[in-house]
C-alpha atoms as a PDB file:
ATOM      1  CA  MET A   1      69.058  34.148 -34.211  1.00  0.00           C
ATOM      2  CA  CYS A   2      65.744  33.671 -35.943  1.00  0.00           C
ATOM      3  CA  CYS A   3      62.575  35.484 -35.217  1.00  0.00           C
ATOM      4  CA  ASN A   4      59.148  34.256 -36.162  1.00  0.00           C
ATOM      5  CA  LEU A   5      57.251  37.175 -37.563  1.00  0.00           C
ATOM      6  CA  HIS A   6      53.506  36.836 -37.385  1.00  0.00           C
ATOM      7  CA  MET A   7      51.844  37.936 -40.593  1.00  0.00           C
ATOM      8  CA  PRO A   8      48.411  39.315 -39.715  1.00  0.00           C
ATOM      9  CA  THR A   9      45.432  37.754 -41.404  1.00  0.00           C
ATOM     10  CA  PRO A  10      42.985  40.066 -43.199  1.00  0.00           C
ATOM     11  CA  ARG A  11      40.701  39.891 -40.149  1.00  0.00           C
ATOM     12  CA  GLU A  12      43.547  41.046 -37.865  1.00  0.00           C
ATOM     13  CA  ARG A  13      44.676  43.906 -40.097  1.00  0.00           C
ATOM     14  CA  LYS A  14      43.009  47.267 -39.876  1.00  0.00           C
ATOM     15  CA  PRO A  15      41.977  49.173 -42.990  1.00  0.00           C
ATOM     16  CA  PHE A  16      43.556  52.536 -43.624  1.00  0.00           C
ATOM     17  CA  ALA A  17      42.426  55.649 -45.446  1.00  0.00           C
ATOM     18  CA  SER A  18      44.218  56.476 -48.685  1.00  0.00           C
ATOM     19  CA  SER A  19      44.235  60.212 -47.927  1.00  0.00           C
ATOM     20  CA  PRO A  20      43.269  62.657 -45.178  1.00  0.00           C
ATOM     21  CA  ALA A  21      40.177  63.632 -47.208  1.00  0.00           C
ATOM     22  CA  ILE A  22      39.025  60.008 -47.426  1.00  0.00           C
ATOM     23  CA  ARG A  23      39.727  59.510 -43.713  1.00  0.00           C
ATOM     24  CA  GLY A  24      37.562  62.554 -42.900  1.00  0.00           C
ATOM     25  CA  ARG A  25      34.743  61.293 -45.111  1.00  0.00           C
ATOM     26  CA  MET A  26      34.861  57.846 -43.477  1.00  0.00           C
ATOM     27  CA  GLN A  27      34.756  59.399 -40.005  1.00  0.00           C
ATOM     28  CA  ARG A  28      31.717  61.510 -40.925  1.00  0.00           C
ATOM     29  CA  GLN A  29      29.775  58.528 -42.302  1.00  0.00           C
ATOM     30  CA  LEU A  30      26.574  58.273 -40.276  1.00  0.00           C
ATOM     31  CA  SER A  31      25.264  54.959 -39.006  1.00  0.00           C
ATOM     32  CA  ARG A  32      21.832  56.361 -38.185  1.00  0.00           C
ATOM     33  CA  ASP A  33      19.662  59.251 -39.341  1.00  0.00           C
ATOM     34  CA  THR A  34      21.149  59.080 -42.837  1.00  0.00           C
ATOM     35  CA  GLU A  35      19.563  61.113 -45.650  1.00  0.00           C
ATOM     36  CA  PRO A  36      17.835  58.079 -47.227  1.00  0.00           C
ATOM     37  CA  GLU A  37      16.502  57.052 -43.812  1.00  0.00           C
ATOM     38  CA  LEU A  38      15.197  60.547 -43.045  1.00  0.00           C
ATOM     39  CA  ARG A  39      13.449  60.722 -46.434  1.00  0.00           C
ATOM     40  CA  VAL A  40      11.718  57.364 -45.865  1.00  0.00           C
ATOM     41  CA  ARG A  41      10.670  58.366 -42.336  1.00  0.00           C
ATOM     42  CA  SER A  42       9.297  61.686 -43.579  1.00  0.00           C
ATOM     43  CA  ALA A  43       7.278  59.900 -46.282  1.00  0.00           C
ATOM     44  CA  LEU A  44       5.938  57.412 -43.715  1.00  0.00           C
ATOM     45  CA  HIS A  45       4.905  60.250 -41.415  1.00  0.00           C
ATOM     46  CA  ALA A  46       3.172  62.034 -44.311  1.00  0.00           C
ATOM     47  CA  LEU A  47       1.101  58.860 -44.827  1.00  0.00           C
ATOM     48  CA  GLY A  48      -0.070  59.097 -41.217  1.00  0.00           C
ATOM     49  CA  LEU A  49       2.061  56.258 -39.869  1.00  0.00           C
ATOM     50  CA  ARG A  50       3.648  56.464 -36.433  1.00  0.00           C
ATOM     51  CA  TYR A  51       6.641  54.375 -35.528  1.00  0.00           C
ATOM     52  CA  ARG A  52       9.669  53.931 -33.325  1.00  0.00           C
ATOM     53  CA  ILE A  53      13.146  54.666 -34.614  1.00  0.00           C
ATOM     54  CA  HIS A  54      16.456  52.924 -33.961  1.00  0.00           C
ATOM     55  CA  GLN A  55      15.006  50.114 -31.879  1.00  0.00           C
ATOM     56  CA  ARG A  56      15.912  46.499 -31.382  1.00  0.00           C
ATOM     57  CA  PRO A  57      12.906  44.522 -32.574  1.00  0.00           C
ATOM     58  CA  LEU A  58      13.973  41.858 -30.070  1.00  0.00           C
ATOM     59  CA  PRO A  59      15.854  42.856 -26.928  1.00  0.00           C
ATOM     60  CA  GLU A  60      18.062  39.748 -27.097  1.00  0.00           C
ATOM     61  CA  LEU A  61      19.017  40.366 -30.746  1.00  0.00           C
ATOM     62  CA  ARG A  62      21.886  42.847 -31.075  1.00  0.00           C
ATOM     63  CA  ARG A  63      20.472  44.346 -34.259  1.00  0.00           C
ATOM     64  CA  VAL A  64      18.785  47.722 -34.556  1.00  0.00           C
ATOM     65  CA  ALA A  65      16.073  48.439 -37.121  1.00  0.00           C
ATOM     66  CA  ASP A  66      15.784  51.934 -38.565  1.00  0.00           C
ATOM     67  CA  VAL A  67      11.980  52.010 -38.224  1.00  0.00           C
ATOM     68  CA  VAL A  68       9.881  49.687 -36.054  1.00  0.00           C
ATOM     69  CA  PHE A  69       6.111  49.187 -35.958  1.00  0.00           C
ATOM     70  CA  ARG A  70       6.145  47.054 -32.820  1.00  0.00           C
ATOM     71  CA  PRO A  71       2.391  46.300 -32.463  1.00  0.00           C
ATOM     72  CA  HIS A  72       2.355  45.084 -36.069  1.00  0.00           C
ATOM     73  CA  LYS A  73       5.712  43.310 -35.811  1.00  0.00           C
ATOM     74  CA  VAL A  74       7.216  45.121 -38.805  1.00  0.00           C
ATOM     75  CA  ALA A  75      10.900  46.086 -38.902  1.00  0.00           C
ATOM     76  CA  VAL A  76      12.266  48.368 -41.623  1.00  0.00           C
ATOM     77  CA  PHE A  77      15.948  48.604 -42.527  1.00  0.00           C
ATOM     78  CA  VAL A  78      17.138  51.360 -44.878  1.00  0.00           C
ATOM     79  CA  ASP A  79      20.319  49.874 -46.320  1.00  0.00           C
ATOM     80  CA  GLY A  80      23.155  51.781 -47.947  1.00  0.00           C
ATOM     81  CA  CYS A  81      24.064  50.361 -51.352  1.00  0.00           C
ATOM     82  CA  TYR A  82      27.801  50.171 -50.663  1.00  0.00           C
ATOM     83  CA  TRP A  83      27.715  48.879 -47.091  1.00  0.00           C
ATOM     84  CA  HIS A  84      25.046  46.223 -47.648  1.00  0.00           C
ATOM     85  CA  GLY A  85      26.105  44.947 -51.071  1.00  0.00           C
ATOM     86  CA  CYS A  86      23.363  46.277 -53.358  1.00  0.00           C
ATOM     87  CA  PRO A  87      23.393  44.165 -56.524  1.00  0.00           C
ATOM     88  CA  LEU A  88      22.923  47.332 -58.632  1.00  0.00           C
ATOM     89  CA  HIS A  89      25.319  49.758 -56.939  1.00  0.00           C
ATOM     90  CA  GLY A  90      27.275  47.933 -54.258  1.00  0.00           C
ATOM     91  CA  VAL A  91      29.806  46.102 -56.424  1.00  0.00           C
ATOM     92  CA  ARG A  92      33.066  47.993 -56.849  1.00  0.00           C
ATOM     93  CA  ASP A  93      36.715  47.421 -57.600  1.00  0.00           C
ATOM     94  CA  HIS A  94      38.601  48.289 -54.445  1.00  0.00           C
ATOM     95  CA  LYS A  95      41.902  50.012 -55.098  1.00  0.00           C
ATOM     96  CA  VAL A  96      42.764  50.504 -51.426  1.00  0.00           C
ATOM     97  CA  ASN A  97      42.281  47.884 -48.716  1.00  0.00           C
ATOM     98  CA  GLU A  98      41.122  45.386 -51.320  1.00  0.00           C
ATOM     99  CA  TRP A  99      41.872  42.633 -48.781  1.00  0.00           C
ATOM    100  CA  TYR A 100      39.358  44.161 -46.335  1.00  0.00           C
ATOM    101  CA  TRP A 101      36.279  45.624 -48.053  1.00  0.00           C
ATOM    102  CA  PRO A 102      34.866  42.632 -49.977  1.00  0.00           C
ATOM    103  CA  ALA A 103      35.014  40.452 -46.843  1.00  0.00           C
ATOM    104  CA  LYS A 104      33.548  43.235 -44.672  1.00  0.00           C
ATOM    105  CA  ILE A 105      30.638  43.819 -47.035  1.00  0.00           C
ATOM    106  CA  GLN A 106      30.028  40.056 -47.305  1.00  0.00           C
ATOM    107  CA  ARG A 107      29.844  39.860 -43.483  1.00  0.00           C
ATOM    108  CA  ASN A 108      27.282  42.696 -43.539  1.00  0.00           C
ATOM    109  CA  VAL A 109      25.188  40.833 -46.135  1.00  0.00           C
ATOM    110  CA  GLU A 110      25.357  37.623 -44.087  1.00  0.00           C
ATOM    111  CA  ARG A 111      24.364  39.495 -40.912  1.00  0.00           C
ATOM    112  CA  ASP A 112      21.413  41.078 -42.762  1.00  0.00           C
ATOM    113  CA  ARG A 113      20.236  37.635 -43.916  1.00  0.00           C
ATOM    114  CA  ASP A 114      20.616  36.258 -40.397  1.00  0.00           C
ATOM    115  CA  THR A 115      18.629  39.194 -38.980  1.00  0.00           C
ATOM    116  CA  ASP A 116      15.850  38.635 -41.525  1.00  0.00           C
ATOM    117  CA  HIS A 117      15.764  34.922 -40.736  1.00  0.00           C
ATOM    118  CA  GLN A 118      15.653  35.373 -36.960  1.00  0.00           C
ATOM    119  CA  LEU A 119      12.904  38.004 -37.075  1.00  0.00           C
ATOM    120  CA  ARG A 120      10.762  36.094 -39.579  1.00  0.00           C
ATOM    121  CA  ALA A 121      11.126  32.912 -37.517  1.00  0.00           C
ATOM    122  CA  ILE A 122       9.145  34.568 -34.701  1.00  0.00           C
ATOM    123  CA  GLY A 123       6.533  36.276 -36.840  1.00  0.00           C
ATOM    124  CA  TRP A 124       8.064  39.630 -37.738  1.00  0.00           C
ATOM    125  CA  GLU A 125       7.842  41.081 -41.228  1.00  0.00           C
ATOM    126  CA  VAL A 126      11.175  42.497 -42.407  1.00  0.00           C
ATOM    127  CA  ILE A 127      11.269  45.194 -45.071  1.00  0.00           C
ATOM    128  CA  ARG A 128      14.563  46.248 -46.618  1.00  0.00           C
ATOM    129  CA  VAL A 129      14.768  49.521 -48.538  1.00  0.00           C
ATOM    130  CA  TRP A 130      17.840  50.330 -50.636  1.00  0.00           C
ATOM    131  CA  GLU A 131      19.120  53.896 -50.372  1.00  0.00           C
ATOM    132  CA  HIS A 132      18.586  54.370 -54.134  1.00  0.00           C
ATOM    133  CA  GLU A 133      14.860  53.553 -53.933  1.00  0.00           C
ATOM    134  CA  ASP A 134      12.298  56.331 -54.211  1.00  0.00           C
ATOM    135  CA  PRO A 135      11.343  57.106 -50.593  1.00  0.00           C
ATOM    136  CA  GLY A 136       7.690  57.769 -51.471  1.00  0.00           C
ATOM    137  CA  LEU A 137       7.313  54.410 -53.215  1.00  0.00           C
ATOM    138  CA  ALA A 138       9.136  52.664 -50.372  1.00  0.00           C
ATOM    139  CA  ALA A 139       6.789  54.322 -47.853  1.00  0.00           C
ATOM    140  CA  VAL A 140       3.713  53.152 -49.779  1.00  0.00           C
ATOM    141  CA  ARG A 141       5.129  49.604 -49.816  1.00  0.00           C
ATOM    142  CA  ILE A 142       5.768  49.776 -46.056  1.00  0.00           C
ATOM    143  CA  GLU A 143       2.323  51.259 -45.395  1.00  0.00           C
ATOM    144  CA  SER A 144       0.673  48.410 -47.295  1.00  0.00           C
ATOM    145  CA  VAL A 145       2.435  45.803 -45.156  1.00  0.00           C
ATOM    146  CA  VAL A 146       1.813  47.600 -41.867  1.00  0.00           C
ATOM    147  CA  ARG A 147      -1.875  48.164 -42.542  1.00  0.00           C
ATOM    148  CA  SER A 148      -2.322  44.522 -43.609  1.00  0.00           C
ATOM    149  CA  ARG A 149      -1.012  43.163 -40.301  1.00  0.00           C
ATOM    150  CA  LYS A 150      -3.215  43.060 -37.239  1.00  0.00           C
ATOM    151  CA  PRO A 151      -1.679  44.726 -34.186  1.00  0.00           C
ATOM    152  CA  LYS A 152      -0.174  42.290 -31.716  1.00  0.00           C
ATOM    153  CA  CYS A 153      -1.260  44.271 -28.639  1.00  0.00           C
ATOM    154  CA  PRO A 154      -4.577  43.284 -26.986  1.00  0.00           C
ATOM    155  CA  GLY A 155      -7.326  45.808 -27.636  1.00  0.00           C
ATOM    156  CA  ASP A 156      -5.302  47.633 -30.291  1.00  0.00           C
ATOM    157  CA  THR A 157      -7.367  47.648 -33.475  1.00  0.00           C
ATOM    158  CA  SER A 158      -5.878  50.345 -35.682  1.00  0.00           C
ATOM    159  CA  ILE A 159      -2.481  51.637 -36.640  1.00  0.00           C
ATOM    160  CA  ASN A 160      -3.362  55.071 -35.235  1.00  0.00           C
ATOM    161  CA  SER A 161      -3.936  53.658 -31.745  1.00  0.00           C
ATOM    162  CA  GLN A 162      -0.261  52.882 -31.247  1.00  0.00           C
ATOM    163  CA  ILE A 163       1.758  54.057 -28.274  1.00  0.00           C
ATOM    164  CA  GLU A 164       1.606  57.805 -27.707  1.00  0.00           C
ATOM    165  CA  GLU A 165       4.463  59.870 -29.062  1.00  0.00           C
ATOM    166  CA  SER A 166       7.679  59.868 -27.093  1.00  0.00           C
ATOM    167  CA  PRO A 167      11.232  61.069 -27.795  1.00  0.00           C
ATOM    168  CA  GLU A 168      11.944  57.702 -29.447  1.00  0.00           C
ATOM    169  CA  MET A 169       8.937  57.922 -31.771  1.00  0.00           C
ATOM    170  CA  GLY A 170       9.581  59.292 -35.241  1.00  0.00           C
ATOM    171  CA  THR A 171       8.020  62.575 -36.249  1.00  0.00           C
ATOM    172  CA  GLU A 172       8.676  65.149 -38.916  1.00  0.00           C
ATOM    173  CA  ASP A 173      10.829  66.978 -36.370  1.00  0.00           C
ATOM    174  CA  ASP A 174      13.359  64.143 -36.666  1.00  0.00           C
ATOM    175  CA  ARG A 175      14.656  65.692 -39.877  1.00  0.00           C
END
């Protein structure tokens, strides 16, 4: 009697934690409101900019930007070095789940490129900030882009005339 055992492909296998401590750290990893993101948002707010947080720039695109200036069509993504393949800090030798992590990170990089392409194709400006960047310098770079773009809403002539604050709008209280 012979049985055909199916060997799972890397995509079918699930990664595992090498220790309970690592498992706990992976479970606590935030996908939003991370420290680098909060620092960039705080610096943007200090510059007088108002924005939306955790919004889809396009409703039909299943991608969420960390900071959105909708009238100016500017989407900001604060990317973690490890998860998004930073050329300076994202390259590592994987001792555990080496079959999984390089492919996972490559898929993230490809998705980021696709997001950038789709948004730029319809007139959005995409700004990517690495977690290791100085938040103040990143905020000045973002401010320069936002202030250089005319609002896309009729009658809206300045960045300060954006939509009134709501629970989804970023403020210093978001920290």
